[in-house]
Amino acid sequence: MKNLLEKINKKMNSTENILCTLQCSFDLHVNRNCSRPGLLIATERRMLFYGVPISNFKNEIFEEFLYENISSLTMKKSIFGTRVRMYHNDEYLKFNKIINGDANIFIETVNTLCEQYMGEKNQKRK
């Protein structure tokens, strides 16, 4: 996990700090259904997903989700585990197979930051 965070820190701005993380899988729907294991990260400016290169996935992926483009972020629990669902730029995204991290705290943190960004966006319009 420490090596993973070091790789992520290299891709972040020097002013950004990691607020919370979830080790999970990102459901990708390109050509076929597959879940990409990695780390979901919340910073002050954005949410990030870093997918590590492993067996079937030879390349790492780095996805960025700006808070002002997230319209909803929710958590769903079922017999199959906890799932985080997000609407980002009118696209429905799922993160599942949460291994460690507190999904409740992650959701609360990101939703608070999304509200702050929406408030700032509305003030700029006035």
C-alpha atoms as a PDB file:
ATOM      1  CA  MET A   1       0.000   0.000   0.000  1.00  0.00           C
ATOM      2  CA  LYS A   2       2.879   2.379   0.784  1.00  0.00           C
ATOM      3  CA  ASN A   3       4.421   1.845  -2.683  1.00  0.00           C
ATOM      4  CA  LEU A   4       1.020   2.470  -4.232  1.00  0.00           C
ATOM      5  CA  LEU A   5       0.622   5.776  -2.386  1.00  0.00           C
ATOM      6  CA  GLU A   6       4.117   6.847  -3.472  1.00  0.00           C
ATOM      7  CA  LYS A   7       3.197   6.252  -7.143  1.00  0.00           C
ATOM      8  CA  ILE A   8      -0.021   8.225  -6.699  1.00  0.00           C
ATOM      9  CA  ASN A   9       1.765  11.127  -4.982  1.00  0.00           C
ATOM     10  CA  LYS A  10       3.986  11.478  -8.058  1.00  0.00           C
ATOM     11  CA  LYS A  11       0.895  12.045 -10.221  1.00  0.00           C
ATOM     12  CA  MET A  12      -0.691  14.581  -7.844  1.00  0.00           C
ATOM     13  CA  ASN A  13      -0.068  18.313  -7.598  1.00  0.00           C
ATOM     14  CA  SER A  14       2.307  19.389  -4.841  1.00  0.00           C
ATOM     15  CA  THR A  15      -0.536  21.333  -3.177  1.00  0.00           C
ATOM     16  CA  GLU A  16      -2.849  18.304  -2.969  1.00  0.00           C
ATOM     17  CA  ASN A  17      -3.175  16.076   0.072  1.00  0.00           C
ATOM     18  CA  ILE A  18      -4.817  12.669   0.317  1.00  0.00           C
ATOM     19  CA  LEU A  19      -7.852  12.968   2.601  1.00  0.00           C
ATOM     20  CA  CYS A  20      -9.087   9.372   2.465  1.00  0.00           C
ATOM     21  CA  THR A  21      -8.746   6.216   0.383  1.00  0.00           C
ATOM     22  CA  LEU A  22     -10.650   3.056  -0.497  1.00  0.00           C
ATOM     23  CA  GLN A  23      -8.975  -0.048  -1.852  1.00  0.00           C
ATOM     24  CA  CYS A  24     -11.549  -1.335  -4.327  1.00  0.00           C
ATOM     25  CA  SER A  25     -12.257  -2.297  -7.937  1.00  0.00           C
ATOM     26  CA  PHE A  26     -13.508   0.045 -10.653  1.00  0.00           C
ATOM     27  CA  ASP A  27     -16.134  -1.489 -12.962  1.00  0.00           C
ATOM     28  CA  LEU A  28     -15.010  -0.798 -16.517  1.00  0.00           C
ATOM     29  CA  HIS A  29     -17.360  -1.415 -19.430  1.00  0.00           C
ATOM     30  CA  VAL A  30     -15.121  -1.157 -22.465  1.00  0.00           C
ATOM     31  CA  ASN A  31     -15.779  -4.046 -24.856  1.00  0.00           C
ATOM     32  CA  ARG A  32     -16.585  -6.334 -21.906  1.00  0.00           C
ATOM     33  CA  ASN A  33     -17.429  -6.181 -18.236  1.00  0.00           C
ATOM     34  CA  CYS A  34     -14.398  -6.220 -16.002  1.00  0.00           C
ATOM     35  CA  SER A  35     -13.407  -4.887 -12.613  1.00  0.00           C
ATOM     36  CA  ARG A  36     -10.063  -3.142 -12.330  1.00  0.00           C
ATOM     37  CA  PRO A  37      -8.464  -3.384  -8.851  1.00  0.00           C
ATOM     38  CA  GLY A  38      -6.861  -0.252  -7.477  1.00  0.00           C
ATOM     39  CA  LEU A  39      -7.165   2.631  -5.067  1.00  0.00           C
ATOM     40  CA  LEU A  40      -9.857   5.320  -4.962  1.00  0.00           C
ATOM     41  CA  ILE A  41      -8.493   8.553  -3.501  1.00  0.00           C
ATOM     42  CA  ALA A  42     -10.147  11.759  -2.305  1.00  0.00           C
ATOM     43  CA  THR A  43      -8.074  14.964  -2.273  1.00  0.00           C
ATOM     44  CA  GLU A  44      -9.113  18.580  -1.691  1.00  0.00           C
ATOM     45  CA  ARG A  45      -9.527  19.179  -5.442  1.00  0.00           C
ATOM     46  CA  ARG A  46     -10.644  15.918  -7.004  1.00  0.00           C
ATOM     47  CA  MET A  47     -11.242  12.202  -6.690  1.00  0.00           C
ATOM     48  CA  LEU A  48      -8.763   9.824  -8.330  1.00  0.00           C
ATOM     49  CA  PHE A  49      -8.638   6.149  -9.188  1.00  0.00           C
ATOM     50  CA  TYR A  50      -5.283   4.466  -9.684  1.00  0.00           C
ATOM     51  CA  GLY A  51      -5.382   0.960 -11.160  1.00  0.00           C
ATOM     52  CA  VAL A  52      -2.228  -1.050 -10.672  1.00  0.00           C
ATOM     53  CA  PRO A  53      -0.677  -3.116 -13.477  1.00  0.00           C
ATOM     54  CA  ILE A  54      -1.364  -6.806 -12.715  1.00  0.00           C
ATOM     55  CA  SER A  55      -1.735 -10.068 -14.700  1.00  0.00           C
ATOM     56  CA  ASN A  56      -4.479  -9.300 -17.285  1.00  0.00           C
ATOM     57  CA  PHE A  57      -4.002  -5.537 -16.930  1.00  0.00           C
ATOM     58  CA  LYS A  58      -0.471  -4.767 -18.100  1.00  0.00           C
ATOM     59  CA  ASN A  59      -0.849  -0.988 -17.978  1.00  0.00           C
ATOM     60  CA  GLU A  60      -1.693   1.179 -15.010  1.00  0.00           C
ATOM     61  CA  ILE A  61      -4.681   3.493 -15.267  1.00  0.00           C
ATOM     62  CA  PHE A  62      -5.167   6.872 -13.671  1.00  0.00           C
ATOM     63  CA  GLU A  63      -8.685   8.321 -13.745  1.00  0.00           C
ATOM     64  CA  GLU A  64      -9.598  11.798 -12.500  1.00  0.00           C
ATOM     65  CA  PHE A  65     -13.051  12.868 -11.300  1.00  0.00           C
ATOM     66  CA  LEU A  66     -13.473  16.589 -10.599  1.00  0.00           C
ATOM     67  CA  TYR A  67     -15.882  17.364  -7.764  1.00  0.00           C
ATOM     68  CA  GLU A  68     -17.805  19.940  -9.796  1.00  0.00           C
ATOM     69  CA  ASN A  69     -18.682  17.183 -12.310  1.00  0.00           C
ATOM     70  CA  ILE A  70     -19.956  14.683  -9.716  1.00  0.00           C
ATOM     71  CA  SER A  71     -23.745  14.934  -9.435  1.00  0.00           C
ATOM     72  CA  SER A  72     -24.167  12.118  -6.905  1.00  0.00           C
ATOM     73  CA  LEU A  73     -22.099   9.689  -4.879  1.00  0.00           C
ATOM     74  CA  THR A  74     -23.862   6.987  -2.887  1.00  0.00           C
ATOM     75  CA  MET A  75     -23.138   3.714  -1.168  1.00  0.00           C
ATOM     76  CA  LYS A  76     -25.141   0.527  -1.526  1.00  0.00           C
ATOM     77  CA  LYS A  77     -24.791  -2.533   0.677  1.00  0.00           C
ATOM     78  CA  SER A  78     -25.900  -5.983  -0.402  1.00  0.00           C
ATOM     79  CA  ILE A  79     -25.081  -9.608   0.272  1.00  0.00           C
ATOM     80  CA  PHE A  80     -22.279  -9.216  -2.272  1.00  0.00           C
ATOM     81  CA  GLY A  81     -20.606  -6.433  -0.291  1.00  0.00           C
ATOM     82  CA  THR A  82     -20.491  -2.669  -0.340  1.00  0.00           C
ATOM     83  CA  ARG A  83     -20.605  -0.764  -3.616  1.00  0.00           C
ATOM     84  CA  VAL A  84     -19.985   2.934  -4.261  1.00  0.00           C
ATOM     85  CA  ARG A  85     -22.031   4.428  -7.106  1.00  0.00           C
ATOM     86  CA  MET A  86     -21.322   7.743  -8.764  1.00  0.00           C
ATOM     87  CA  TYR A  87     -22.778   9.938 -11.507  1.00  0.00           C
ATOM     88  CA  HIS A  88     -19.919  11.850 -13.115  1.00  0.00           C
ATOM     89  CA  ASN A  89     -20.461  13.893 -16.298  1.00  0.00           C
ATOM     90  CA  ASP A  90     -23.795  12.093 -16.829  1.00  0.00           C
ATOM     91  CA  GLU A  91     -22.056   8.724 -16.687  1.00  0.00           C
ATOM     92  CA  TYR A  92     -22.892   6.038 -14.124  1.00  0.00           C
ATOM     93  CA  LEU A  93     -19.759   4.544 -12.517  1.00  0.00           C
ATOM     94  CA  LYS A  94     -19.383   1.772  -9.919  1.00  0.00           C
ATOM     95  CA  PHE A  95     -16.638   0.902  -7.479  1.00  0.00           C
ATOM     96  CA  ASN A  96     -17.026  -2.449  -5.732  1.00  0.00           C
ATOM     97  CA  LYS A  97     -15.075  -5.165  -3.926  1.00  0.00           C
ATOM     98  CA  ILE A  98     -14.040  -2.722  -1.202  1.00  0.00           C
ATOM     99  CA  ILE A  99     -11.194  -4.395   0.689  1.00  0.00           C
ATOM    100  CA  ASN A 100     -10.210  -1.765   3.206  1.00  0.00           C
ATOM    101  CA  GLY A 101     -11.109   1.767   4.143  1.00  0.00           C
ATOM    102  CA  ASP A 102     -14.332   3.127   5.563  1.00  0.00           C
ATOM    103  CA  ALA A 103     -16.786   3.686   2.716  1.00  0.00           C
ATOM    104  CA  ASN A 104     -19.068   5.826   4.927  1.00  0.00           C
ATOM    105  CA  ILE A 105     -16.287   8.292   5.745  1.00  0.00           C
ATOM    106  CA  PHE A 106     -15.165   8.350   2.115  1.00  0.00           C
ATOM    107  CA  ILE A 107     -18.706   9.118   0.868  1.00  0.00           C
ATOM    108  CA  GLU A 108     -19.241  11.835   3.507  1.00  0.00           C
ATOM    109  CA  THR A 109     -15.890  13.468   2.696  1.00  0.00           C
ATOM    110  CA  VAL A 110     -16.458  13.520  -1.065  1.00  0.00           C
ATOM    111  CA  ASN A 111     -20.081  14.683  -0.779  1.00  0.00           C
ATOM    112  CA  THR A 112     -18.993  17.554   1.496  1.00  0.00           C
ATOM    113  CA  LEU A 113     -16.323  18.583  -1.018  1.00  0.00           C
ATOM    114  CA  CYS A 114     -18.815  18.337  -3.912  1.00  0.00           C
ATOM    115  CA  GLU A 115     -21.227  20.625  -2.024  1.00  0.00           C
ATOM    116  CA  GLN A 116     -18.410  23.126  -1.408  1.00  0.00           C
ATOM    117  CA  TYR A 117     -17.491  23.169  -5.094  1.00  0.00           C
ATOM    118  CA  MET A 118     -21.126  23.563  -6.132  1.00  0.00           C
ATOM    119  CA  GLY A 119     -21.511  26.462  -3.667  1.00  0.00           C
ATOM    120  CA  GLU A 120     -18.413  28.164  -5.090  1.00  0.00           C
ATOM    121  CA  LYS A 121     -19.666  27.580  -8.634  1.00  0.00           C
ATOM    122  CA  ASN A 122     -23.055  29.153  -7.820  1.00  0.00           C
ATOM    123  CA  GLN A 123     -21.401  32.175  -6.163  1.00  0.00           C
ATOM    124  CA  LYS A 124     -19.275  32.796  -9.265  1.00  0.00           C
ATOM    125  CA  ARG A 125     -22.420  32.893 -11.431  1.00  0.00           C
ATOM    126  CA  LYS A 126     -23.959  35.682  -9.342  1.00  0.00           C
END
